[in-house]
PDB file of all heavy atoms in Angstrom:
ATOM      1  N   THR A   1      36.456 -80.599  13.180  1.00  0.00           N
ATOM      2  CA  THR A   1      37.049 -81.430  14.234  1.00  0.00           C
ATOM      3  C   THR A   1      37.979 -82.499  13.660  1.00  0.00           C
ATOM      4  O   THR A   1      38.371 -83.422  14.367  1.00  0.00           O
ATOM      5  CB  THR A   1      35.930 -82.105  15.053  1.00  0.00           C
ATOM      6  OG1 THR A   1      35.104 -82.876  14.179  1.00  0.00           O
ATOM      7  CG2 THR A   1      35.081 -81.069  15.768  1.00  0.00           C
ATOM      8  N   GLU A   2      38.342 -82.343  12.375  1.00  0.00           N
ATOM      9  CA  GLU A   2      39.209 -83.320  11.718  1.00  0.00           C
ATOM     10  C   GLU A   2      40.629 -82.776  11.574  1.00  0.00           C
ATOM     11  O   GLU A   2      40.828 -81.608  11.249  1.00  0.00           O
ATOM     12  CB  GLU A   2      38.656 -83.676  10.333  1.00  0.00           C
ATOM     13  CG  GLU A   2      37.272 -84.311  10.363  1.00  0.00           C
ATOM     14  CD  GLU A   2      37.256 -85.648  11.078  1.00  0.00           C
ATOM     15  OE1 GLU A   2      38.250 -86.400  10.925  1.00  0.00           O
ATOM     16  OE2 GLU A   2      36.273 -85.940  11.779  1.00  0.00           O
ATOM     17  N   VAL A   3      41.604 -83.642  11.802  1.00  0.00           N
ATOM     18  CA  VAL A   3      43.020 -83.287  11.687  1.00  0.00           C
ATOM     19  C   VAL A   3      43.655 -84.124  10.576  1.00  0.00           C
ATOM     20  O   VAL A   3      43.475 -85.340  10.533  1.00  0.00           O
ATOM     21  CB  VAL A   3      43.776 -83.537  13.009  1.00  0.00           C
ATOM     22  CG1 VAL A   3      45.274 -83.296  12.836  1.00  0.00           C
ATOM     23  CG2 VAL A   3      43.217 -82.654  14.116  1.00  0.00           C
ATOM     24  N   THR A   4      44.375 -83.456   9.670  1.00  0.00           N
ATOM     25  CA  THR A   4      45.094 -84.153   8.609  1.00  0.00           C
ATOM     26  C   THR A   4      46.583 -83.869   8.791  1.00  0.00           C
ATOM     27  O   THR A   4      47.085 -82.825   8.371  1.00  0.00           O
ATOM     28  CB  THR A   4      44.632 -83.682   7.219  1.00  0.00           C
ATOM     29  OG1 THR A   4      43.216 -83.827   7.118  1.00  0.00           O
ATOM     30  CG2 THR A   4      45.300 -84.506   6.127  1.00  0.00           C
ATOM     31  N   TRP A   5      47.278 -84.779   9.405  1.00  0.00           N
ATOM     32  CA  TRP A   5      48.707 -84.605   9.671  1.00  0.00           C
ATOM     33  C   TRP A   5      49.302 -85.947  10.073  1.00  0.00           C
ATOM     34  O   TRP A   5      48.585 -86.756  10.670  1.00  0.00           O
ATOM     35  CB  TRP A   5      48.895 -83.581  10.802  1.00  0.00           C
ATOM     36  CG  TRP A   5      50.302 -83.061  10.867  1.00  0.00           C
ATOM     37  CD1 TRP A   5      51.275 -83.431  11.750  1.00  0.00           C
ATOM     38  CD2 TRP A   5      50.888 -82.101  10.001  1.00  0.00           C
ATOM     39  NE1 TRP A   5      52.438 -82.754  11.484  1.00  0.00           N
ATOM     40  CE2 TRP A   5      52.230 -81.935  10.405  1.00  0.00           C
ATOM     41  CE3 TRP A   5      50.421 -81.386   8.895  1.00  0.00           C
ATOM     42  CZ2 TRP A   5      53.098 -81.067   9.768  1.00  0.00           C
ATOM     43  CZ3 TRP A   5      51.280 -80.526   8.260  1.00  0.00           C
ATOM     44  CH2 TRP A   5      52.600 -80.365   8.698  1.00  0.00           C
ATOM     45  N   PRO A   6      50.573 -86.221   9.744  1.00  0.00           N
ATOM     46  CA  PRO A   6      51.562 -85.379   9.067  1.00  0.00           C
ATOM     47  C   PRO A   6      51.320 -85.279   7.556  1.00  0.00           C
ATOM     48  O   PRO A   6      50.675 -86.136   6.959  1.00  0.00           O
ATOM     49  CB  PRO A   6      52.882 -86.119   9.331  1.00  0.00           C
ATOM     50  CG  PRO A   6      52.598 -87.123  10.390  1.00  0.00           C
ATOM     51  CD  PRO A   6      51.164 -87.483  10.216  1.00  0.00           C
ATOM     52  N   GLN A   7      51.886 -84.208   6.979  1.00  0.00           N
ATOM     53  CA  GLN A   7      51.860 -83.993   5.541  1.00  0.00           C
ATOM     54  C   GLN A   7      53.239 -83.511   5.097  1.00  0.00           C
ATOM     55  O   GLN A   7      54.026 -83.003   5.891  1.00  0.00           O
ATOM     56  CB  GLN A   7      50.815 -82.932   5.158  1.00  0.00           C
ATOM     57  CG  GLN A   7      49.380 -83.334   5.463  1.00  0.00           C
ATOM     58  CD  GLN A   7      48.407 -82.289   4.952  1.00  0.00           C
ATOM     59  OE1 GLN A   7      48.296 -82.048   3.757  1.00  0.00           O
ATOM     60  NE2 GLN A   7      47.678 -81.669   5.874  1.00  0.00           N
ATOM     61  N   GLU A   8      53.503 -83.665   3.813  1.00  0.00           N
ATOM     62  CA  GLU A   8      54.780 -83.206   3.264  1.00  0.00           C
ATOM     63  C   GLU A   8      54.760 -81.689   3.112  1.00  0.00           C
ATOM     64  O   GLU A   8      53.770 -81.108   2.687  1.00  0.00           O
ATOM     65  CB  GLU A   8      55.034 -83.852   1.894  1.00  0.00           C
ATOM     66  CG  GLU A   8      55.322 -85.343   1.960  1.00  0.00           C
ATOM     67  CD  GLU A   8      56.609 -85.646   2.696  1.00  0.00           C
ATOM     68  OE1 GLU A   8      57.552 -84.842   2.592  1.00  0.00           O
ATOM     69  OE2 GLU A   8      56.671 -86.688   3.385  1.00  0.00           O
ATOM     70  N   LEU A   9      55.868 -81.067   3.477  1.00  0.00           N
ATOM     71  CA  LEU A   9      56.019 -79.621   3.340  1.00  0.00           C
ATOM     72  C   LEU A   9      57.301 -79.343   2.561  1.00  0.00           C
ATOM     73  O   LEU A   9      58.318 -79.984   2.796  1.00  0.00           O
ATOM     74  CB  LEU A   9      56.106 -78.945   4.714  1.00  0.00           C
ATOM     75  CG  LEU A   9      54.901 -79.086   5.644  1.00  0.00           C
ATOM     76  CD1 LEU A   9      55.243 -78.532   7.021  1.00  0.00           C
ATOM     77  CD2 LEU A   9      53.691 -78.363   5.077  1.00  0.00           C
ATOM     78  N   SER A  10      57.258 -78.369   1.681  1.00  0.00           N
ATOM     79  CA  SER A  10      58.481 -77.970   0.977  1.00  0.00           C
ATOM     80  C   SER A  10      58.905 -76.564   1.359  1.00  0.00           C
ATOM     81  O   SER A  10      60.102 -76.261   1.403  1.00  0.00           O
ATOM     82  CB  SER A  10      58.272 -78.058  -0.539  1.00  0.00           C
ATOM     83  OG  SER A  10      57.203 -77.233  -0.943  1.00  0.00           O
ATOM     84  N   GLU A  11      57.926 -75.717   1.664  1.00  0.00           N
ATOM     85  CA  GLU A  11      58.229 -74.343   2.087  1.00  0.00           C
ATOM     86  C   GLU A  11      57.300 -73.952   3.237  1.00  0.00           C
ATOM     87  O   GLU A  11      56.384 -73.150   3.074  1.00  0.00           O
ATOM     88  CB  GLU A  11      58.066 -73.365   0.929  1.00  0.00           C
ATOM     89  CG  GLU A  11      59.060 -73.574  -0.216  1.00  0.00           C
ATOM     90  CD  GLU A  11      58.910 -72.552  -1.307  1.00  0.00           C
ATOM     91  OE1 GLU A  11      58.107 -71.605  -1.136  1.00  0.00           O
ATOM     92  OE2 GLU A  11      59.579 -72.679  -2.338  1.00  0.00           O
ATOM     93  N   PRO A  12      57.531 -74.504   4.421  1.00  0.00           N
ATOM     94  CA  PRO A  12      56.625 -74.213   5.531  1.00  0.00           C
ATOM     95  C   PRO A  12      56.806 -72.832   6.139  1.00  0.00           C
ATOM     96  O   PRO A  12      55.935 -72.321   6.817  1.00  0.00           O
ATOM     97  CB  PRO A  12      56.990 -75.294   6.556  1.00  0.00           C
ATOM     98  CG  PRO A  12      58.407 -75.637   6.248  1.00  0.00           C
ATOM     99  CD  PRO A  12      58.557 -75.495   4.764  1.00  0.00           C
ATOM    100  N   LYS A  13      57.964 -72.225   5.911  1.00  0.00           N
ATOM    101  CA  LYS A  13      58.339 -70.941   6.509  1.00  0.00           C
ATOM    102  C   LYS A  13      58.420 -71.087   8.030  1.00  0.00           C
ATOM    103  O   LYS A  13      58.338 -72.183   8.556  1.00  0.00           O
ATOM    104  CB  LYS A  13      57.367 -69.831   6.089  1.00  0.00           C
ATOM    105  CG  LYS A  13      57.347 -69.606   4.572  1.00  0.00           C
ATOM    106  CD  LYS A  13      56.462 -68.432   4.195  1.00  0.00           C
ATOM    107  CE  LYS A  13      56.482 -68.232   2.678  1.00  0.00           C
ATOM    108  NZ  LYS A  13      55.626 -67.101   2.246  1.00  0.00           N
ATOM    109  N   GLY A  14      58.593 -69.971   8.737  1.00  0.00           N
ATOM    110  CA  GLY A  14      58.697 -70.035  10.181  1.00  0.00           C
ATOM    111  C   GLY A  14      59.870 -70.894  10.636  1.00  0.00           C
ATOM    112  O   GLY A  14      60.867 -71.069   9.928  1.00  0.00           O
ATOM    113  N   LYS A  15      59.760 -71.442  11.832  1.00  0.00           N
ATOM    114  CA  LYS A  15      60.837 -72.254  12.404  1.00  0.00           C
ATOM    115  C   LYS A  15      61.101 -73.495  11.570  1.00  0.00           C
ATOM    116  O   LYS A  15      62.264 -73.857  11.320  1.00  0.00           O
ATOM    117  CB  LYS A  15      60.475 -72.648  13.836  1.00  0.00           C
ATOM    118  CG  LYS A  15      61.571 -73.417  14.553  1.00  0.00           C
ATOM    119  CD  LYS A  15      61.211 -73.661  16.008  1.00  0.00           C
ATOM    120  CE  LYS A  15      62.351 -74.361  16.750  1.00  0.00           C
ATOM    121  NZ  LYS A  15      62.044 -74.550  18.188  1.00  0.00           N
ATOM    122  N   LEU A  16      60.039 -74.158  11.130  1.00  0.00           N
ATOM    123  CA  LEU A  16      60.219 -75.367  10.318  1.00  0.00           C
ATOM    124  C   LEU A  16      60.918 -75.040   8.999  1.00  0.00           C
ATOM    125  O   LEU A  16      61.756 -75.808   8.525  1.00  0.00           O
ATOM    126  CB  LEU A  16      58.866 -76.020  10.055  1.00  0.00           C
ATOM    127  CG  LEU A  16      58.209 -76.707  11.251  1.00  0.00           C
ATOM    128  CD1 LEU A  16      56.833 -77.237  10.867  1.00  0.00           C
ATOM    129  CD2 LEU A  16      59.079 -77.836  11.777  1.00  0.00           C
ATOM    130  N   GLY A  17      60.585 -73.905   8.415  1.00  0.00           N
ATOM    131  CA  GLY A  17      61.224 -73.503   7.170  1.00  0.00           C
ATOM    132  C   GLY A  17      62.714 -73.287   7.352  1.00  0.00           C
ATOM    133  O   GLY A  17      63.522 -73.685   6.507  1.00  0.00           O
ATOM    134  N   ALA A  18      63.086 -72.645   8.481  1.00  0.00           N
ATOM    135  CA  ALA A  18      64.510 -72.402   8.744  1.00  0.00           C
ATOM    136  C   ALA A  18      65.255 -73.708   8.979  1.00  0.00           C
ATOM    137  O   ALA A  18      66.372 -73.898   8.482  1.00  0.00           O
ATOM    138  CB  ALA A  18      64.656 -71.483   9.952  1.00  0.00           C
ATOM    139  N   LEU A  19      64.649 -74.625   9.732  1.00  0.00           N
ATOM    140  CA  LEU A  19      65.290 -75.914   9.982  1.00  0.00           C
ATOM    141  C   LEU A  19      65.458 -76.698   8.683  1.00  0.00           C
ATOM    142  O   LEU A  19      66.491 -77.329   8.455  1.00  0.00           O
ATOM    143  CB  LEU A  19      64.461 -76.724  10.982  1.00  0.00           C
ATOM    144  CG  LEU A  19      64.398 -76.181  12.406  1.00  0.00           C
ATOM    145  CD1 LEU A  19      63.396 -76.986  13.240  1.00  0.00           C
ATOM    146  CD2 LEU A  19      65.771 -76.216  13.073  1.00  0.00           C
ATOM    147  N   LEU A  20      64.432 -76.638   7.845  1.00  0.00           N
ATOM    148  CA  LEU A  20      64.494 -77.358   6.571  1.00  0.00           C
ATOM    149  C   LEU A  20      65.580 -76.771   5.676  1.00  0.00           C
ATOM    150  O   LEU A  20      66.334 -77.510   5.022  1.00  0.00           O
ATOM    151  CB  LEU A  20      63.131 -77.280   5.879  1.00  0.00           C
ATOM    152  CG  LEU A  20      62.871 -78.258   4.731  1.00  0.00           C
ATOM    153  CD1 LEU A  20      62.949 -79.693   5.221  1.00  0.00           C
ATOM    154  CD2 LEU A  20      61.501 -77.980   4.113  1.00  0.00           C
ATOM    155  N   GLU A  21      65.706 -75.465   5.662  1.00  0.00           N
ATOM    156  CA  GLU A  21      66.708 -74.816   4.822  1.00  0.00           C
ATOM    157  C   GLU A  21      68.123 -75.162   5.283  1.00  0.00           C
ATOM    158  O   GLU A  21      69.042 -75.276   4.470  1.00  0.00           O
ATOM    159  CB  GLU A  21      66.502 -73.302   4.851  1.00  0.00           C
ATOM    160  CG  GLU A  21      67.218 -72.536   3.737  1.00  0.00           C
ATOM    161  CD  GLU A  21      68.695 -72.320   4.032  1.00  0.00           C
ATOM    162  OE1 GLU A  21      69.063 -72.210   5.224  1.00  0.00           O
ATOM    163  OE2 GLU A  21      69.493 -72.278   3.080  1.00  0.00           O
ATOM    164  N   LEU A  22      68.293 -75.345   6.568  1.00  0.00           N
ATOM    165  CA  LEU A  22      69.614 -75.690   7.091  1.00  0.00           C
ATOM    166  C   LEU A  22      70.079 -77.062   6.595  1.00  0.00           C
ATOM    167  O   LEU A  22      71.261 -77.251   6.322  1.00  0.00           O
ATOM    168  CB  LEU A  22      69.597 -75.680   8.621  1.00  0.00           C
ATOM    169  CG  LEU A  22      69.636 -74.318   9.315  1.00  0.00           C
ATOM    170  CD1 LEU A  22      69.386 -74.481  10.811  1.00  0.00           C
ATOM    171  CD2 LEU A  22      70.975 -73.623   9.086  1.00  0.00           C
ATOM    172  N   VAL A  23      69.149 -78.012   6.494  1.00  0.00           N
ATOM    173  CA  VAL A  23      69.559 -79.409   6.262  1.00  0.00           C
ATOM    174  C   VAL A  23      69.206 -79.946   4.881  1.00  0.00           C
ATOM    175  O   VAL A  23      69.677 -81.032   4.521  1.00  0.00           O
ATOM    176  CB  VAL A  23      68.916 -80.331   7.329  1.00  0.00           C
ATOM    177  CG1 VAL A  23      69.333 -79.901   8.718  1.00  0.00           C
ATOM    178  CG2 VAL A  23      67.383 -80.327   7.228  1.00  0.00           C
ATOM    179  N   GLU A  24      68.428 -79.245   4.097  1.00  0.00           N
ATOM    180  CA  GLU A  24      68.017 -79.776   2.804  1.00  0.00           C
ATOM    181  C   GLU A  24      69.213 -79.829   1.842  1.00  0.00           C
ATOM    182  O   GLU A  24      70.219 -79.127   2.034  1.00  0.00           O
ATOM    183  CB  GLU A  24      66.897 -78.922   2.215  1.00  0.00           C
ATOM    184  CG  GLU A  24      67.325 -77.519   1.854  1.00  0.00           C
ATOM    185  CD  GLU A  24      66.166 -76.668   1.379  1.00  0.00           C
ATOM    186  OE1 GLU A  24      65.077 -77.214   1.181  1.00  0.00           O
ATOM    187  OE2 GLU A  24      66.359 -75.451   1.213  1.00  0.00           O
ATOM    188  N   PRO A  25      69.138 -80.685   0.803  1.00  0.00           N
ATOM    189  CA  PRO A  25      70.213 -80.727  -0.188  1.00  0.00           C
ATOM    190  C   PRO A  25      70.440 -79.347  -0.799  1.00  0.00           C
ATOM    191  O   PRO A  25      69.495 -78.690  -1.245  1.00  0.00           O
ATOM    192  CB  PRO A  25      69.684 -81.721  -1.231  1.00  0.00           C
ATOM    193  CG  PRO A  25      68.745 -82.599  -0.451  1.00  0.00           C
ATOM    194  CD  PRO A  25      68.104 -81.695   0.550  1.00  0.00           C
ATOM    195  N   GLY A  26      71.683 -78.899  -0.780  1.00  0.00           N
ATOM    196  CA  GLY A  26      71.995 -77.565  -1.268  1.00  0.00           C
ATOM    197  C   GLY A  26      71.737 -76.476  -0.251  1.00  0.00           C
ATOM    198  O   GLY A  26      71.914 -75.291  -0.550  1.00  0.00           O
ATOM    199  N   GLY A  27      71.322 -76.864   0.955  1.00  0.00           N
ATOM    200  CA  GLY A  27      71.041 -75.889   2.001  1.00  0.00           C
ATOM    201  C   GLY A  27      72.301 -75.363   2.656  1.00  0.00           C
ATOM    202  O   GLY A  27      73.430 -75.647   2.244  1.00  0.00           O
ATOM    203  N   THR A  28      72.109 -74.599   3.732  1.00  0.00           N
ATOM    204  CA  THR A  28      73.219 -73.903   4.372  1.00  0.00           C
ATOM    205  C   THR A  28      74.320 -74.845   4.831  1.00  0.00           C
ATOM    206  O   THR A  28      75.498 -74.649   4.518  1.00  0.00           O
ATOM    207  CB  THR A  28      72.698 -73.096   5.570  1.00  0.00           C
ATOM    208  OG1 THR A  28      71.761 -72.111   5.110  1.00  0.00           O
ATOM    209  CG2 THR A  28      73.849 -72.385   6.272  1.00  0.00           C
ATOM    210  N   ILE A  29      73.969 -75.874   5.567  1.00  0.00           N
ATOM    211  CA  ILE A  29      75.007 -76.752   6.135  1.00  0.00           C
ATOM    212  C   ILE A  29      75.724 -77.532   5.041  1.00  0.00           C
ATOM    213  O   ILE A  29      76.949 -77.684   5.084  1.00  0.00           O
ATOM    214  CB  ILE A  29      74.390 -77.697   7.180  1.00  0.00           C
ATOM    215  CG1 ILE A  29      73.927 -76.887   8.405  1.00  0.00           C
ATOM    216  CG2 ILE A  29      75.386 -78.762   7.598  1.00  0.00           C
ATOM    217  CD1 ILE A  29      73.267 -77.701   9.490  1.00  0.00           C
ATOM    218  N   GLU A  30      74.994 -78.011   4.048  1.00  0.00           N
ATOM    219  CA  GLU A  30      75.645 -78.741   2.957  1.00  0.00           C
ATOM    220  C   GLU A  30      76.599 -77.830   2.194  1.00  0.00           C
ATOM    221  O   GLU A  30      77.694 -78.250   1.787  1.00  0.00           O
ATOM    222  CB  GLU A  30      74.610 -79.327   2.013  1.00  0.00           C
ATOM    223  CG  GLU A  30      75.227 -80.204   0.931  1.00  0.00           C
ATOM    224  CD  GLU A  30      74.198 -80.872   0.047  1.00  0.00           C
ATOM    225  OE1 GLU A  30      73.541 -81.810   0.532  1.00  0.00           O
ATOM    226  OE2 GLU A  30      74.059 -80.457  -1.118  1.00  0.00           O
ATOM    227  N   SER A  31      76.199 -76.578   2.006  1.00  0.00           N
ATOM    228  CA  SER A  31      77.084 -75.653   1.290  1.00  0.00           C
ATOM    229  C   SER A  31      78.324 -75.335   2.123  1.00  0.00           C
ATOM    230  O   SER A  31      79.434 -75.201   1.574  1.00  0.00           O
ATOM    231  CB  SER A  31      76.336 -74.368   0.935  1.00  0.00           C
ATOM    232  OG  SER A  31      76.002 -73.627   2.102  1.00  0.00           O
ATOM    233  N   PHE A  32      78.161 -75.220   3.444  1.00  0.00           N
ATOM    234  CA  PHE A  32      79.323 -75.019   4.312  1.00  0.00           C
ATOM    235  C   PHE A  32      80.273 -76.218   4.230  1.00  0.00           C
ATOM    236  O   PHE A  32      81.490 -76.060   4.155  1.00  0.00           O
ATOM    237  CB  PHE A  32      78.884 -74.816   5.756  1.00  0.00           C
ATOM    238  CG  PHE A  32      78.329 -73.455   6.055  1.00  0.00           C
ATOM    239  CD1 PHE A  32      77.526 -73.248   7.171  1.00  0.00           C
ATOM    240  CD2 PHE A  32      78.604 -72.376   5.237  1.00  0.00           C
ATOM    241  CE1 PHE A  32      77.018 -71.992   7.456  1.00  0.00           C
ATOM    242  CE2 PHE A  32      78.099 -71.115   5.509  1.00  0.00           C
ATOM    243  CZ  PHE A  32      77.298 -70.920   6.619  1.00  0.00           C
TER     244      PHE A  32
END
């Protein structure tokens, strides 16, 4: 019944992973 959040993620995958890849340094948008 315990929740531990928020936490740092580097490779969450799924939707969060895609959003992170778009905006992270060296990611898609920065490279564009």
